[in-house]
PDB file of N, CA and C in Angstrom:
ATOM      1  N   UNK A   1       0.304   3.616 -27.389  1.00  0.00           N
ATOM      2  CA  UNK A   1       0.577   4.417 -26.225  1.00  0.00           C
ATOM      3  C   UNK A   1       1.779   5.311 -26.542  1.00  0.00           C
ATOM      4  N   UNK A   2       1.707   6.552 -26.129  1.00  0.00           N
ATOM      5  CA  UNK A   2       2.760   7.512 -26.417  1.00  0.00           C
ATOM      6  C   UNK A   2       3.920   7.371 -25.435  1.00  0.00           C
ATOM      7  N   UNK A   3       5.081   7.856 -25.846  1.00  0.00           N
ATOM      8  CA  UNK A   3       6.293   7.753 -25.017  1.00  0.00           C
ATOM      9  C   UNK A   3       6.126   8.436 -23.654  1.00  0.00           C
ATOM     10  N   UNK A   4       5.528   9.649 -23.570  1.00  0.00           N
ATOM     11  CA  UNK A   4       5.363  10.270 -22.253  1.00  0.00           C
ATOM     12  C   UNK A   4       4.481   9.433 -21.316  1.00  0.00           C
ATOM     13  N   UNK A   5       3.485   8.784 -21.883  1.00  0.00           N
ATOM     14  CA  UNK A   5       2.624   7.931 -21.057  1.00  0.00           C
ATOM     15  C   UNK A   5       3.403   6.727 -20.539  1.00  0.00           C
ATOM     16  N   UNK A   6       4.234   6.153 -21.377  1.00  0.00           N
ATOM     17  CA  UNK A   6       5.052   5.010 -20.943  1.00  0.00           C
ATOM     18  C   UNK A   6       6.023   5.419 -19.846  1.00  0.00           C
ATOM     19  N   UNK A   7       6.615   6.588 -19.993  1.00  0.00           N
ATOM     20  CA  UNK A   7       7.540   7.066 -18.953  1.00  0.00           C
ATOM     21  C   UNK A   7       6.809   7.299 -17.645  1.00  0.00           C
ATOM     22  N   UNK A   8       5.619   7.893 -17.714  1.00  0.00           N
ATOM     23  CA  UNK A   8       4.826   8.144 -16.511  1.00  0.00           C
ATOM     24  C   UNK A   8       4.488   6.829 -15.813  1.00  0.00           C
ATOM     25  N   UNK A   9       4.067   5.845 -16.575  1.00  0.00           N
ATOM     26  CA  UNK A   9       3.732   4.535 -16.001  1.00  0.00           C
ATOM     27  C   UNK A   9       4.969   3.900 -15.375  1.00  0.00           C
ATOM     28  N   UNK A  10       6.110   4.009 -16.042  1.00  0.00           N
ATOM     29  CA  UNK A  10       7.347   3.436 -15.505  1.00  0.00           C
ATOM     30  C   UNK A  10       7.761   4.122 -14.207  1.00  0.00           C
ATOM     31  N   UNK A  11       7.610   5.431 -14.138  1.00  0.00           N
ATOM     32  CA  UNK A  11       7.960   6.172 -12.919  1.00  0.00           C
ATOM     33  C   UNK A  11       7.036   5.780 -11.771  1.00  0.00           C
ATOM     34  N   UNK A  12       5.744   5.730 -12.025  1.00  0.00           N
ATOM     35  CA  UNK A  12       4.791   5.357 -10.979  1.00  0.00           C
ATOM     36  C   UNK A  12       5.054   3.930 -10.501  1.00  0.00           C
ATOM     37  N   UNK A  13       5.282   3.030 -11.422  1.00  0.00           N
ATOM     38  CA  UNK A  13       5.572   1.640 -11.062  1.00  0.00           C
ATOM     39  C   UNK A  13       6.827   1.560 -10.192  1.00  0.00           C
ATOM     40  N   UNK A  14       7.853   2.316 -10.560  1.00  0.00           N
ATOM     41  CA  UNK A  14       9.104   2.320  -9.792  1.00  0.00           C
ATOM     42  C   UNK A  14       8.902   2.905  -8.401  1.00  0.00           C
ATOM     43  N   UNK A  15       8.145   3.990  -8.304  1.00  0.00           N
ATOM     44  CA  UNK A  15       7.907   4.611  -6.999  1.00  0.00           C
ATOM     45  C   UNK A  15       7.103   3.689  -6.079  1.00  0.00           C
ATOM     46  N   UNK A  16       6.135   2.995  -6.633  1.00  0.00           N
ATOM     47  CA  UNK A  16       5.369   2.062  -5.817  1.00  0.00           C
ATOM     48  C   UNK A  16       6.248   0.894  -5.357  1.00  0.00           C
ATOM     49  N   UNK A  17       7.132   0.421  -6.216  1.00  0.00           N
ATOM     50  CA  UNK A  17       8.074  -0.624  -5.825  1.00  0.00           C
ATOM     51  C   UNK A  17       9.020  -0.148  -4.737  1.00  0.00           C
ATOM     52  N   UNK A  18       9.476   1.097  -4.845  1.00  0.00           N
ATOM     53  CA  UNK A  18      10.335   1.671  -3.819  1.00  0.00           C
ATOM     54  C   UNK A  18       9.604   1.749  -2.483  1.00  0.00           C
ATOM     55  N   UNK A  19       8.345   2.159  -2.515  1.00  0.00           N
ATOM     56  CA  UNK A  19       7.554   2.253  -1.292  1.00  0.00           C
ATOM     57  C   UNK A  19       7.412   0.879  -0.626  1.00  0.00           C
ATOM     58  N   UNK A  20       7.135  -0.135  -1.402  1.00  0.00           N
ATOM     59  CA  UNK A  20       6.998  -1.489  -0.852  1.00  0.00           C
ATOM     60  C   UNK A  20       8.325  -1.964  -0.275  1.00  0.00           C
ATOM     61  N   UNK A  21       9.418  -1.686  -0.952  1.00  0.00           N
ATOM     62  CA  UNK A  21      10.731  -2.082  -0.465  1.00  0.00           C
ATOM     63  C   UNK A  21      11.101  -1.396   0.838  1.00  0.00           C
ATOM     64  N   UNK A  22      10.834  -0.109   0.921  1.00  0.00           N
ATOM     65  CA  UNK A  22      11.126   0.630   2.155  1.00  0.00           C
ATOM     66  C   UNK A  22      10.269   0.112   3.296  1.00  0.00           C
ATOM     67  N   UNK A  23       9.015  -0.129   3.029  1.00  0.00           N
ATOM     68  CA  UNK A  23       8.125  -0.641   4.074  1.00  0.00           C
ATOM     69  C   UNK A  23       8.587  -2.016   4.573  1.00  0.00           C
ATOM     70  N   UNK A  24       9.052  -2.853   3.668  1.00  0.00           N
ATOM     71  CA  UNK A  24       9.523  -4.183   4.059  1.00  0.00           C
ATOM     72  C   UNK A  24      10.735  -4.089   4.981  1.00  0.00           C
ATOM     73  N   UNK A  25      11.613  -3.139   4.720  1.00  0.00           N
ATOM     74  CA  UNK A  25      12.792  -2.966   5.563  1.00  0.00           C
ATOM     75  C   UNK A  25      12.400  -2.405   6.930  1.00  0.00           C
ATOM     76  N   UNK A  26      11.405  -1.544   6.970  1.00  0.00           N
ATOM     77  CA  UNK A  26      11.008  -0.908   8.232  1.00  0.00           C
ATOM     78  C   UNK A  26      10.237  -1.834   9.164  1.00  0.00           C
ATOM     79  N   UNK A  27       9.709  -2.942   8.660  1.00  0.00           N
ATOM     80  CA  UNK A  27       8.941  -3.846   9.527  1.00  0.00           C
ATOM     81  C   UNK A  27       9.777  -4.325  10.714  1.00  0.00           C
ATOM     82  N   UNK A  28      11.046  -4.597  10.485  1.00  0.00           N
ATOM     83  CA  UNK A  28      11.905  -5.076  11.581  1.00  0.00           C
ATOM     84  C   UNK A  28      12.031  -4.015  12.673  1.00  0.00           C
ATOM     85  N   UNK A  29      12.209  -2.756  12.292  1.00  0.00           N
ATOM     86  CA  UNK A  29      12.304  -1.685  13.280  1.00  0.00           C
ATOM     87  C   UNK A  29      10.989  -1.499  14.029  1.00  0.00           C
ATOM     88  N   UNK A  30       9.889  -1.601  13.326  1.00  0.00           N
ATOM     89  CA  UNK A  30       8.573  -1.478  13.970  1.00  0.00           C
ATOM     90  C   UNK A  30       8.392  -2.581  15.005  1.00  0.00           C
ATOM     91  N   UNK A  31       8.780  -3.786  14.670  1.00  0.00           N
ATOM     92  CA  UNK A  31       8.641  -4.908  15.599  1.00  0.00           C
ATOM     93  C   UNK A  31       9.479  -4.696  16.844  1.00  0.00           C
ATOM     94  N   UNK A  32      10.684  -4.173  16.696  1.00  0.00           N
ATOM     95  CA  UNK A  32      11.559  -3.954  17.849  1.00  0.00           C
ATOM     96  C   UNK A  32      11.023  -2.831  18.729  1.00  0.00           C
ATOM     97  N   UNK A  33      10.650  -1.711  18.126  1.00  0.00           N
ATOM     98  CA  UNK A  33      10.189  -0.554  18.893  1.00  0.00           C
ATOM     99  C   UNK A  33       8.898  -0.862  19.635  1.00  0.00           C
ATOM    100  N   UNK A  34       7.978  -1.570  19.000  1.00  0.00           N
ATOM    101  CA  UNK A  34       6.681  -1.855  19.623  1.00  0.00           C
ATOM    102  C   UNK A  34       6.656  -3.187  20.369  1.00  0.00           C
ATOM    103  N   UNK A  35       7.798  -3.893  20.397  1.00  0.00           N
ATOM    104  CA  UNK A  35       7.902  -5.183  21.098  1.00  0.00           C
ATOM    105  C   UNK A  35       6.844  -6.178  20.605  1.00  0.00           C
ATOM    106  N   UNK A  36       6.782  -6.341  19.291  1.00  0.00           N
ATOM    107  CA  UNK A  36       5.794  -7.228  18.690  1.00  0.00           C
ATOM    108  C   UNK A  36       6.404  -8.592  18.395  1.00  0.00           C
ATOM    109  N   UNK A  37       5.625  -9.626  18.622  1.00  0.00           N
ATOM    110  CA  UNK A  37       6.041 -10.962  18.214  1.00  0.00           C
ATOM    111  C   UNK A  37       5.790 -11.105  16.711  1.00  0.00           C
ATOM    112  N   UNK A  38       6.352 -12.123  16.080  1.00  0.00           N
ATOM    113  CA  UNK A  38       6.091 -12.315  14.647  1.00  0.00           C
ATOM    114  C   UNK A  38       4.600 -12.459  14.334  1.00  0.00           C
ATOM    115  N   UNK A  39       3.861 -13.106  15.229  1.00  0.00           N
ATOM    116  CA  UNK A  39       2.421 -13.262  15.007  1.00  0.00           C
ATOM    117  C   UNK A  39       1.710 -11.916  15.047  1.00  0.00           C
ATOM    118  N   UNK A  40       2.063 -11.092  16.027  1.00  0.00           N
ATOM    119  CA  UNK A  40       1.438  -9.777  16.148  1.00  0.00           C
ATOM    120  C   UNK A  40       1.794  -8.890  14.955  1.00  0.00           C
ATOM    121  N   UNK A  41       3.028  -8.999  14.508  1.00  0.00           N
ATOM    122  CA  UNK A  41       3.451  -8.217  13.355  1.00  0.00           C
ATOM    123  C   UNK A  41       2.686  -8.644  12.100  1.00  0.00           C
ATOM    124  N   UNK A  42       2.497  -9.947  11.932  1.00  0.00           N
ATOM    125  CA  UNK A  42       1.729 -10.447  10.795  1.00  0.00           C
ATOM    126  C   UNK A  42       0.278 -10.009  10.835  1.00  0.00           C
ATOM    127  N   UNK A  43      -0.301 -10.032  12.030  1.00  0.00           N
ATOM    128  CA  UNK A  43      -1.699  -9.599  12.177  1.00  0.00           C
ATOM    129  C   UNK A  43      -1.818  -8.111  11.855  1.00  0.00           C
ATOM    130  N   UNK A  44      -0.880  -7.307  12.345  1.00  0.00           N
ATOM    131  CA  UNK A  44      -0.950  -5.873  12.067  1.00  0.00           C
ATOM    132  C   UNK A  44      -0.783  -5.585  10.574  1.00  0.00           C
ATOM    133  N   UNK A  45       0.084  -6.331   9.906  1.00  0.00           N
ATOM    134  CA  UNK A  45       0.246  -6.151   8.464  1.00  0.00           C
ATOM    135  C   UNK A  45      -1.027  -6.564   7.723  1.00  0.00           C
ATOM    136  N   UNK A  46      -1.644  -7.658   8.165  1.00  0.00           N
ATOM    137  CA  UNK A  46      -2.889  -8.110   7.537  1.00  0.00           C
ATOM    138  C   UNK A  46      -4.029  -7.133   7.747  1.00  0.00           C
ATOM    139  N   UNK A  47      -4.104  -6.575   8.953  1.00  0.00           N
ATOM    140  CA  UNK A  47      -5.153  -5.585   9.234  1.00  0.00           C
ATOM    141  C   UNK A  47      -4.941  -4.343   8.377  1.00  0.00           C
ATOM    142  N   UNK A  48      -3.690  -3.922   8.228  1.00  0.00           N
ATOM    143  CA  UNK A  48      -3.404  -2.767   7.376  1.00  0.00           C
ATOM    144  C   UNK A  48      -3.783  -3.013   5.926  1.00  0.00           C
ATOM    145  N   UNK A  49      -3.478  -4.202   5.426  1.00  0.00           N
ATOM    146  CA  UNK A  49      -3.836  -4.535   4.044  1.00  0.00           C
ATOM    147  C   UNK A  49      -5.354  -4.599   3.868  1.00  0.00           C
ATOM    148  N   UNK A  50      -6.036  -5.218   4.835  1.00  0.00           N
ATOM    149  CA  UNK A  50      -7.497  -5.315   4.759  1.00  0.00           C
ATOM    150  C   UNK A  50      -8.141  -3.928   4.823  1.00  0.00           C
ATOM    151  N   UNK A  51      -7.599  -3.056   5.668  1.00  0.00           N
ATOM    152  CA  UNK A  51      -8.131  -1.691   5.756  1.00  0.00           C
ATOM    153  C   UNK A  51      -7.938  -0.943   4.444  1.00  0.00           C
ATOM    154  N   UNK A  52      -6.789  -1.157   3.798  1.00  0.00           N
ATOM    155  CA  UNK A  52      -6.553  -0.515   2.506  1.00  0.00           C
ATOM    156  C   UNK A  52      -7.516  -0.998   1.436  1.00  0.00           C
ATOM    157  N   UNK A  53      -7.766  -2.294   1.405  1.00  0.00           N
ATOM    158  CA  UNK A  53      -8.707  -2.850   0.430  1.00  0.00           C
ATOM    159  C   UNK A  53     -10.117  -2.325   0.683  1.00  0.00           C
ATOM    160  N   UNK A  54     -10.518  -2.296   1.936  1.00  0.00           N
ATOM    161  CA  UNK A  54     -11.847  -1.784   2.287  1.00  0.00           C
ATOM    162  C   UNK A  54     -11.981  -0.306   1.913  1.00  0.00           C
ATOM    163  N   UNK A  55     -10.944   0.475   2.189  1.00  0.00           N
ATOM    164  CA  UNK A  55     -10.982   1.904   1.870  1.00  0.00           C
ATOM    165  C   UNK A  55     -11.058   2.126   0.361  1.00  0.00           C
ATOM    166  N   UNK A  56     -10.253   1.399  -0.399  1.00  0.00           N
ATOM    167  CA  UNK A  56     -10.280   1.554  -1.854  1.00  0.00           C
ATOM    168  C   UNK A  56     -11.623   1.138  -2.444  1.00  0.00           C
ATOM    169  N   UNK A  57     -12.179   0.042  -1.940  1.00  0.00           N
ATOM    170  CA  UNK A  57     -13.477  -0.424  -2.447  1.00  0.00           C
ATOM    171  C   UNK A  57     -14.581   0.565  -2.112  1.00  0.00           C
ATOM    172  N   UNK A  58     -14.614   1.035  -0.876  1.00  0.00           N
ATOM    173  CA  UNK A  58     -15.637   1.987  -0.465  1.00  0.00           C
ATOM    174  C   UNK A  58     -15.500   3.302  -1.232  1.00  0.00           C
ATOM    175  N   UNK A  59     -14.269   3.765  -1.372  1.00  0.00           N
ATOM    176  CA  UNK A  59     -14.040   4.999  -2.123  1.00  0.00           C
ATOM    177  C   UNK A  59     -14.458   4.873  -3.575  1.00  0.00           C
ATOM    178  N   UNK A  60     -14.166   3.737  -4.199  1.00  0.00           N
ATOM    179  CA  UNK A  60     -14.545   3.537  -5.599  1.00  0.00           C
ATOM    180  C   UNK A  60     -16.066   3.530  -5.764  1.00  0.00           C
ATOM    181  N   UNK A  61     -16.748   2.867  -4.850  1.00  0.00           N
ATOM    182  CA  UNK A  61     -18.212   2.842  -4.925  1.00  0.00           C
ATOM    183  C   UNK A  61     -18.800   4.233  -4.714  1.00  0.00           C
ATOM    184  N   UNK A  62     -18.240   4.974  -3.771  1.00  0.00           N
ATOM    185  CA  UNK A  62     -18.724   6.328  -3.502  1.00  0.00           C
ATOM    186  C   UNK A  62     -18.475   7.244  -4.694  1.00  0.00           C
ATOM    187  N   UNK A  63     -17.287   7.166  -5.264  1.00  0.00           N
ATOM    188  CA  UNK A  63     -16.977   8.005  -6.426  1.00  0.00           C
ATOM    189  C   UNK A  63     -17.854   7.624  -7.611  1.00  0.00           C
ATOM    190  N   UNK A  64     -18.098   6.347  -7.801  1.00  0.00           N
ATOM    191  CA  UNK A  64     -18.948   5.902  -8.899  1.00  0.00           C
ATOM    192  C   UNK A  64     -20.367   6.433  -8.729  1.00  0.00           C
ATOM    193  N   UNK A  65     -20.862   6.424  -7.499  1.00  0.00           N
ATOM    194  CA  UNK A  65     -22.241   6.873  -7.247  1.00  0.00           C
ATOM    195  C   UNK A  65     -22.361   8.394  -7.340  1.00  0.00           C
ATOM    196  N   UNK A  66     -21.428   9.109  -6.739  1.00  0.00           N
ATOM    197  CA  UNK A  66     -21.518  10.569  -6.669  1.00  0.00           C
ATOM    198  C   UNK A  66     -20.959  11.237  -7.920  1.00  0.00           C
ATOM    199  N   UNK A  67     -19.921  10.638  -8.493  1.00  0.00           N
ATOM    200  CA  UNK A  67     -19.226  11.282  -9.593  1.00  0.00           C
ATOM    201  C   UNK A  67     -19.885  11.205 -10.940  1.00  0.00           C
ATOM    202  N   UNK A  68     -20.892  10.389 -11.091  1.00  0.00           N
ATOM    203  CA  UNK A  68     -21.514  10.268 -12.416  1.00  0.00           C
ATOM    204  C   UNK A  68     -22.782  11.048 -12.518  1.00  0.00           C
TER     205      UNK A  68
END
């Protein structure tokens, strides 16, 4: 693997880690503003994760079918 590719991977990995860290800090503010209990906050986080997985899976299947 070439050095520019390694740098690109390191930057992307760092940015994704930053995004996860920022989101983790914002959960407390979201709970306060929307008056969510810990259970409701957990359910909303789970629904968001499940929606992301479903979207990625559906998109991958669609791209595989149409893109080839």
